Amino acid sequence: MLDDIIDQSGGKSGHSKVSQYDTRLWEKKGVARSFPLGHKDVETYLGGKSHSQSPPIGVNYHDVLEAIHATESIEANQKYLECTDPPYVALQHQDGLGVVDELVRVLDHKSKPHMLLFNGINDLICNHVGNEQLLDVLPWSKTSQYIQQPRHAWESGVDASLKNNYTPGRPDGYIKQYENLSYLKVIESGHMVPMDQPAVSLRMMKTLVYETGGQKSGFLSSLQDLERANTDEDARMCKLDQCPDCLPSNTGDESIFASSDAVVSSITLSNIGVLFATFTMGIIVTILCQRRQRLAGEKRVLASIDEDLELTDQDSIYRDTVEDGQYT
């Protein structure tokens, strides 16, 4: 489904499509993927594959493999290719297996290791909205407290000259944190955050290791002081299949409102008085208008979708029928 949406991002007759790895980038349809930048160079260094680099890369990949103690791949006649199929096929039986239980186990461990999840804000295929929704339903003992935490803008302190696409005054990301769980959204970065913001990414890792936990603020540079929901009240919106007849329900956590008493108390006598007065006034105005029309002998005109329908010889029949309240 994602592939279909991306293919149509430039329209049916368009020659380009948005990159699934970075919404700021566009790729030509029907050509080899160019993202991430430099992955073809890596194929040359590790596998000797020739590409049309300019200037060409002059390197013997045997020397590279020897330097990293990987010459056995030469003997096995294996060559490195980025995102090649055989490794995927060999591991596809594990494709889609979740690590949620393992994540929760680590978060609840007595040693309280700090877990940082970070996301490029321009990533589409692993987008920050979906990842945040995952954390909001994480079966962790502290999820309800995490959800209600305020957000902070993060200032990395990295020199502006080392930031890509930097606008003076903007932060480097946004973060929500509770105890040993942090979720950081990095600005001006896509799927490959360290590639898009290398200096900021390095500071992110140093902050995680040296400045998070205890009395240190770490990533919490500047509070976003927004009014938060009252956790003592269940103020969820009505579900589509329940509106507009959203009635109070006493079904525990599944109730739309906290209690029926809260709903009744919110409708004051003054509200009822205003509604009754408005309804009564509407009836009076309607009766007076109809009476005036009858006294003046004014013809009724019935409106249709396409045009106004002018009454014919049987206008008296239509008038009497309508005025008697018979609309069939």
Protein backbone atom coordinates (compact mmCIF):
# COMPACT_ATOMS: atom_id res chain seq x y z
CA MET A 1 0.00 0.00 0.00
CA LEU A 2 2.82 2.39 0.84
CA ASP A 3 4.45 1.69 -2.54
CA ASP A 4 1.19 2.53 -4.34
CA ILE A 5 0.81 5.81 -2.46
CA ILE A 6 4.42 6.80 -3.10
CA ASP A 7 4.17 5.95 -6.82
CA GLN A 8 1.25 8.37 -7.13
CA SER A 9 2.85 11.16 -5.10
CA GLY A 10 3.77 12.91 -8.34
CA GLY A 11 0.52 12.09 -10.09
CA LYS A 12 -0.32 9.43 -12.66
CA SER A 13 1.68 11.09 -15.41
CA GLY A 14 4.45 12.37 -13.16
CA HIS A 15 8.02 11.21 -13.66
CA SER A 16 9.09 11.55 -10.02
CA LYS A 17 7.97 10.21 -6.66
CA VAL A 18 8.67 11.19 -3.08
CA SER A 19 11.32 9.20 -1.25
CA GLN A 20 9.93 6.78 1.31
CA TYR A 21 13.01 7.45 3.41
CA ASP A 22 12.92 11.25 3.36
CA THR A 23 9.91 13.38 2.46
CA ARG A 24 12.23 16.23 1.43
CA LEU A 25 13.70 14.15 -1.41
CA TRP A 26 12.26 13.09 -4.76
CA GLU A 27 13.34 10.19 -6.95
CA LYS A 28 12.79 9.39 -10.62
CA LYS A 29 10.35 6.60 -11.37
CA GLY A 30 11.71 3.43 -12.92
CA VAL A 31 15.37 3.96 -11.99
CA ALA A 32 17.57 2.37 -9.34
CA ARG A 33 17.17 3.82 -5.87
CA SER A 34 19.74 6.47 -5.05
CA PHE A 35 19.11 6.56 -1.28
CA PRO A 36 21.05 6.57 0.95
CA LEU A 37 23.74 8.80 -0.47
CA GLY A 38 26.99 6.87 -0.93
CA HIS A 39 25.62 3.32 -0.72
CA LYS A 40 26.95 2.61 -4.20
CA ASP A 41 30.40 3.67 -3.04
CA VAL A 42 30.21 1.13 -0.22
CA GLU A 43 29.43 -1.61 -2.77
CA THR A 44 32.60 -0.64 -4.60
CA TYR A 45 34.77 -0.61 -1.48
CA LEU A 46 33.48 -3.93 -0.12
CA GLY A 47 32.54 -5.81 -3.28
CA GLY A 48 34.46 -4.27 -6.15
CA LYS A 49 31.27 -3.47 -8.03
CA SER A 50 31.83 -0.84 -10.70
CA HIS A 51 29.59 2.21 -10.73
CA SER A 52 29.58 5.43 -12.69
CA GLN A 53 31.12 7.57 -9.97
CA SER A 54 32.77 10.79 -10.96
CA PRO A 55 35.61 10.78 -10.24
CA PRO A 56 35.87 6.97 -10.18
CA ILE A 57 36.85 5.22 -6.97
CA GLY A 58 40.35 3.79 -7.32
CA VAL A 59 40.44 1.02 -4.73
CA ASN A 60 41.11 -2.71 -4.67
CA TYR A 61 38.34 -4.20 -2.58
CA HIS A 62 40.61 -7.16 -1.72
CA ASP A 63 42.77 -4.76 0.28
CA VAL A 64 39.70 -3.41 2.05
CA LEU A 65 38.45 -6.89 2.98
CA GLU A 66 41.87 -7.86 4.21
CA ALA A 67 41.99 -4.78 6.42
CA ILE A 68 38.69 -5.76 8.06
CA HIS A 69 39.56 -9.49 8.19
CA ALA A 70 36.81 -10.49 5.75
CA THR A 71 38.79 -12.22 3.00
CA GLU A 72 36.81 -15.44 3.52
CA SER A 73 34.05 -13.82 1.48
CA ILE A 74 36.42 -13.81 -1.51
CA GLU A 75 37.10 -17.52 -1.11
CA ALA A 76 33.34 -18.17 -0.89
CA ASN A 77 32.79 -16.07 -4.02
CA GLN A 78 30.55 -13.66 -2.13
CA LYS A 79 30.35 -9.98 -2.96
CA TYR A 80 28.80 -7.27 -0.87
CA LEU A 81 25.61 -5.67 -2.18
CA GLU A 82 23.46 -3.21 -0.29
CA CYS A 83 20.04 -4.63 0.64
CA THR A 84 20.61 -7.85 -1.30
CA ASP A 85 17.97 -10.61 -1.20
CA PRO A 86 19.80 -13.78 0.09
CA PRO A 87 20.26 -12.51 3.67
CA TYR A 88 16.63 -11.39 3.72
CA VAL A 89 15.39 -14.74 2.42
CA ALA A 90 17.50 -16.60 4.99
CA LEU A 91 15.94 -14.57 7.82
CA GLN A 92 12.43 -14.03 6.48
CA HIS A 93 10.98 -16.53 8.96
CA GLN A 94 11.76 -13.90 11.59
CA ASP A 95 10.32 -11.02 9.59
CA GLY A 96 7.66 -9.18 11.58
CA LEU A 97 8.54 -10.70 14.94
CA GLY A 98 8.09 -7.99 17.53
CA VAL A 99 10.47 -6.95 20.29
CA VAL A 100 7.88 -5.16 22.40
CA ASP A 101 8.08 -7.70 25.23
CA GLU A 102 11.86 -7.44 25.25
CA LEU A 103 11.70 -3.65 25.31
CA VAL A 104 9.34 -3.70 28.28
CA ARG A 105 11.52 -6.22 30.10
CA VAL A 106 14.53 -3.94 29.77
CA LEU A 107 12.58 -0.85 30.86
CA ASP A 108 11.32 -2.64 33.98
CA HIS A 109 14.72 -4.08 34.89
CA LYS A 110 15.89 -3.16 38.38
CA SER A 111 18.99 -1.46 36.98
CA LYS A 112 16.79 1.01 35.06
CA PRO A 113 18.89 1.29 31.87
CA HIS A 114 17.88 4.36 29.90
CA MET A 115 16.20 3.57 26.58
CA LEU A 116 16.32 6.21 23.85
CA LEU A 117 14.21 5.88 20.72
CA PHE A 118 15.03 8.51 18.11
CA ASN A 119 13.31 9.32 14.82
CA GLY A 120 14.08 11.54 11.86
CA ILE A 121 11.08 13.82 11.58
CA ASN A 122 11.14 13.60 7.75
CA ASP A 123 11.16 9.80 7.63
CA LEU A 124 8.09 8.36 5.94
CA ILE A 125 8.43 4.58 6.06
CA CYS A 126 9.34 4.64 9.79
CA ASN A 127 7.43 7.80 10.58
CA HIS A 128 7.50 9.50 13.97
CA VAL A 129 3.70 9.53 14.33
CA GLY A 130 3.37 5.75 14.08
CA ASN A 131 6.32 5.16 16.38
CA GLU A 132 4.88 7.51 18.98
CA GLN A 133 1.53 5.73 18.82
CA LEU A 134 3.38 2.49 19.54
CA LEU A 135 4.87 3.96 22.71
CA ASP A 136 1.46 5.27 23.80
CA VAL A 137 0.15 1.69 23.96
CA LEU A 138 3.35 0.05 25.18
CA PRO A 139 2.47 -2.62 27.81
CA TRP A 140 4.89 -0.98 30.23
CA SER A 141 4.07 -0.40 33.89
CA LYS A 142 4.76 3.34 33.47
CA THR A 143 3.05 3.99 30.13
CA SER A 144 0.21 6.08 31.59
CA GLN A 145 2.75 8.37 33.30
CA TYR A 146 4.87 8.57 30.15
CA ILE A 147 1.89 9.63 28.02
CA GLN A 148 1.15 12.59 30.29
CA GLN A 149 4.70 13.95 30.37
CA PRO A 150 5.28 17.43 28.91
CA ARG A 151 7.36 17.80 25.78
CA HIS A 152 10.65 19.65 25.56
CA ALA A 153 12.52 21.26 22.72
CA TRP A 154 16.09 19.95 22.59
CA GLU A 155 19.06 22.24 22.03
CA SER A 156 22.08 20.07 21.29
CA GLY A 157 24.63 22.85 21.76
CA VAL A 158 26.36 21.88 18.50
CA ASP A 159 27.84 24.80 16.58
CA ALA A 160 25.47 26.04 13.89
CA SER A 161 28.12 25.60 11.19
CA LEU A 162 28.05 21.82 11.80
CA LYS A 163 24.28 21.48 11.32
CA ASN A 164 22.71 20.72 7.96
CA ASN A 165 19.88 22.97 6.76
CA TYR A 166 20.10 24.98 9.96
CA THR A 167 17.77 27.91 10.56
CA PRO A 168 18.96 30.30 13.29
CA GLY A 169 17.01 29.92 16.48
CA ARG A 170 15.41 26.55 15.85
CA PRO A 171 15.94 23.60 18.21
CA ASP A 172 17.47 20.31 17.08
CA GLY A 173 14.57 18.12 18.12
CA TYR A 174 11.59 17.47 20.36
CA ILE A 175 11.55 14.96 23.19
CA LYS A 176 9.21 13.37 25.70
CA GLN A 177 10.78 11.53 28.62
CA TYR A 178 9.70 9.69 31.72
CA GLU A 179 12.15 7.93 34.03
CA ASN A 180 14.24 5.65 31.77
CA LEU A 181 12.29 6.04 28.50
CA SER A 182 12.94 8.88 26.04
CA TYR A 183 11.54 9.49 22.56
CA LEU A 184 13.40 12.08 20.48
CA LYS A 185 12.32 13.51 17.12
CA VAL A 186 15.28 14.98 15.24
CA ILE A 187 14.61 17.96 12.97
CA GLU A 188 15.90 18.13 9.38
CA SER A 189 16.58 14.40 9.14
CA GLY A 190 15.00 11.40 7.50
CA HIS A 191 15.55 7.65 7.76
CA MET A 192 19.31 8.01 8.21
CA VAL A 193 19.60 10.50 11.09
CA PRO A 194 23.41 10.14 11.52
CA MET A 195 23.86 10.76 7.79
CA ASP A 196 21.63 13.86 7.75
CA GLN A 197 22.80 15.35 11.06
CA PRO A 198 26.14 13.73 12.00
CA ALA A 199 27.24 16.33 14.56
CA VAL A 200 23.83 16.41 16.23
CA SER A 201 23.69 12.60 16.27
CA LEU A 202 27.05 12.39 18.01
CA ARG A 203 25.88 14.86 20.64
CA MET A 204 22.69 12.81 21.02
CA MET A 205 24.72 9.70 21.86
CA LYS A 206 26.96 11.58 24.29
CA THR A 207 23.91 13.08 25.98
CA LEU A 208 22.37 9.64 26.38
CA VAL A 209 25.53 8.13 27.87
CA TYR A 210 26.76 10.97 30.05
CA GLU A 211 23.93 13.41 30.75
CA THR A 212 20.72 11.42 31.16
CA GLY A 213 19.44 10.22 34.51
CA GLY A 214 19.88 11.31 38.08
CA GLN A 215 19.79 15.07 38.53
CA LYS A 216 20.97 15.82 35.01
CA SER A 217 18.48 17.30 32.58
CA GLY A 218 20.02 15.63 29.53
CA PHE A 219 17.72 16.29 26.60
CA LEU A 220 15.23 18.47 28.49
CA SER A 221 16.50 21.84 27.28
CA SER A 222 13.32 23.92 27.04
CA LEU A 223 9.85 23.02 28.31
CA GLN A 224 6.91 23.33 25.94
CA ASP A 225 4.47 24.80 28.45
CA LEU A 226 1.15 23.54 27.14
CA GLU A 227 -1.96 22.76 29.16
CA ARG A 228 -2.30 19.02 29.62
CA ALA A 229 -5.31 16.77 30.02
CA ASN A 230 -6.68 15.97 33.46
CA THR A 231 -5.80 12.34 34.08
CA ASP A 232 -8.58 12.06 36.69
CA GLU A 233 -11.24 12.47 34.02
CA ASP A 234 -11.90 10.34 30.97
CA ALA A 235 -12.47 12.88 28.23
CA ARG A 236 -12.11 10.71 25.18
CA MET A 237 -14.09 11.71 22.11
CA CYS A 238 -17.04 9.70 20.91
CA LYS A 239 -16.36 6.88 18.52
CA LEU A 240 -17.72 7.27 15.00
CA ASP A 241 -20.23 4.47 15.43
CA GLN A 242 -21.56 6.05 18.64
CA CYS A 243 -22.02 9.68 17.62
CA PRO A 244 -24.18 11.72 17.60
CA ASP A 245 -26.04 9.72 20.24
CA CYS A 246 -23.17 9.59 22.73
CA LEU A 247 -24.76 8.63 26.01
CA PRO A 248 -23.07 8.16 29.37
CA SER A 249 -22.06 4.60 30.13
CA ASN A 250 -20.88 2.90 33.29
CA THR A 251 -18.74 0.23 31.67
CA GLY A 252 -15.48 1.07 33.43
CA ASP A 253 -12.54 1.92 31.17
CA GLU A 254 -14.65 1.55 28.05
CA SER A 255 -17.11 4.29 29.06
CA ILE A 256 -17.13 7.37 26.91
CA PHE A 257 -17.46 9.64 29.92
CA ALA A 258 -16.13 9.18 33.43
CA SER A 259 -19.65 8.82 34.87
CA SER A 260 -23.26 9.68 34.09
CA ASP A 261 -23.29 12.09 37.04
CA ALA A 262 -20.53 14.14 35.41
CA VAL A 263 -22.60 14.47 32.24
CA VAL A 264 -25.80 15.43 34.08
CA SER A 265 -24.01 18.03 36.18
CA SER A 266 -22.55 19.62 33.04
CA ILE A 267 -26.06 20.42 31.74
CA THR A 268 -27.23 23.24 34.00
CA LEU A 269 -30.74 24.60 34.36
CA SER A 270 -29.69 27.71 32.49
CA ASN A 271 -28.71 25.57 29.49
CA ILE A 272 -32.11 23.90 29.53
CA GLY A 273 -33.85 27.26 29.79
CA VAL A 274 -32.00 28.66 26.78
CA LEU A 275 -32.76 25.58 24.69
CA PHE A 276 -36.47 25.66 25.62
CA ALA A 277 -36.79 29.37 24.87
CA THR A 278 -35.08 28.99 21.50
CA PHE A 279 -37.27 26.06 20.53
CA THR A 280 -40.46 27.89 21.57
CA MET A 281 -39.47 31.03 19.67
CA GLY A 282 -38.85 28.94 16.54
CA ILE A 283 -42.37 27.47 16.70
CA ILE A 284 -43.98 30.92 17.17
CA VAL A 285 -42.08 32.44 14.23
CA THR A 286 -43.04 29.52 11.99
CA ILE A 287 -46.77 29.81 12.83
CA LEU A 288 -46.78 33.58 12.23
CA CYS A 289 -45.05 33.22 8.86
CA GLN A 290 -47.50 30.56 7.68
CA ARG A 291 -50.49 32.63 8.80
CA ARG A 292 -49.17 35.69 6.99
CA GLN A 293 -48.69 33.70 3.80
CA ARG A 294 -52.25 32.35 3.93
CA LEU A 295 -53.76 35.81 4.54
CA ALA A 296 -51.83 37.35 1.70
CA GLY A 297 -52.76 34.54 -0.65
CA GLU A 298 -49.16 34.07 -1.50
CA LYS A 299 -48.37 31.14 -3.73
CA ARG A 300 -45.94 28.57 -2.45
CA VAL A 301 -42.91 27.71 -4.53
CA LEU A 302 -41.43 24.28 -4.08
CA ALA A 303 -37.67 24.15 -4.57
CA SER A 304 -36.11 21.25 -6.44
CA ILE A 305 -32.47 20.30 -6.79
CA ASP A 306 -32.18 21.55 -10.36
CA GLU A 307 -34.49 24.56 -10.44
CA ASP A 308 -37.43 26.19 -8.75
CA LEU A 309 -40.63 24.33 -9.58
CA GLU A 310 -43.42 26.70 -10.57
CA LEU A 311 -46.87 25.52 -9.50
CA THR A 312 -49.43 24.69 -12.21
CA ASP A 313 -53.22 24.68 -12.35
CA GLN A 314 -53.26 22.35 -9.40
CA ASP A 315 -51.54 24.90 -7.18
CA SER A 316 -54.50 24.94 -4.84
CA ILE A 317 -54.20 21.17 -4.39
CA TYR A 318 -50.48 21.48 -3.65
CA ARG A 319 -51.10 24.41 -1.28
CA ASP A 320 -53.83 22.70 0.65
CA THR A 321 -51.86 19.47 0.85
CA VAL A 322 -48.70 21.18 2.10
CA GLU A 323 -50.49 23.41 4.56
CA ASP A 324 -52.29 20.45 5.99
CA GLY A 325 -48.94 18.93 6.77
CA GLN A 326 -49.22 16.13 4.22
CA TYR A 327 -45.90 16.08 2.34
CA THR A 328 -46.28 12.78 0.46
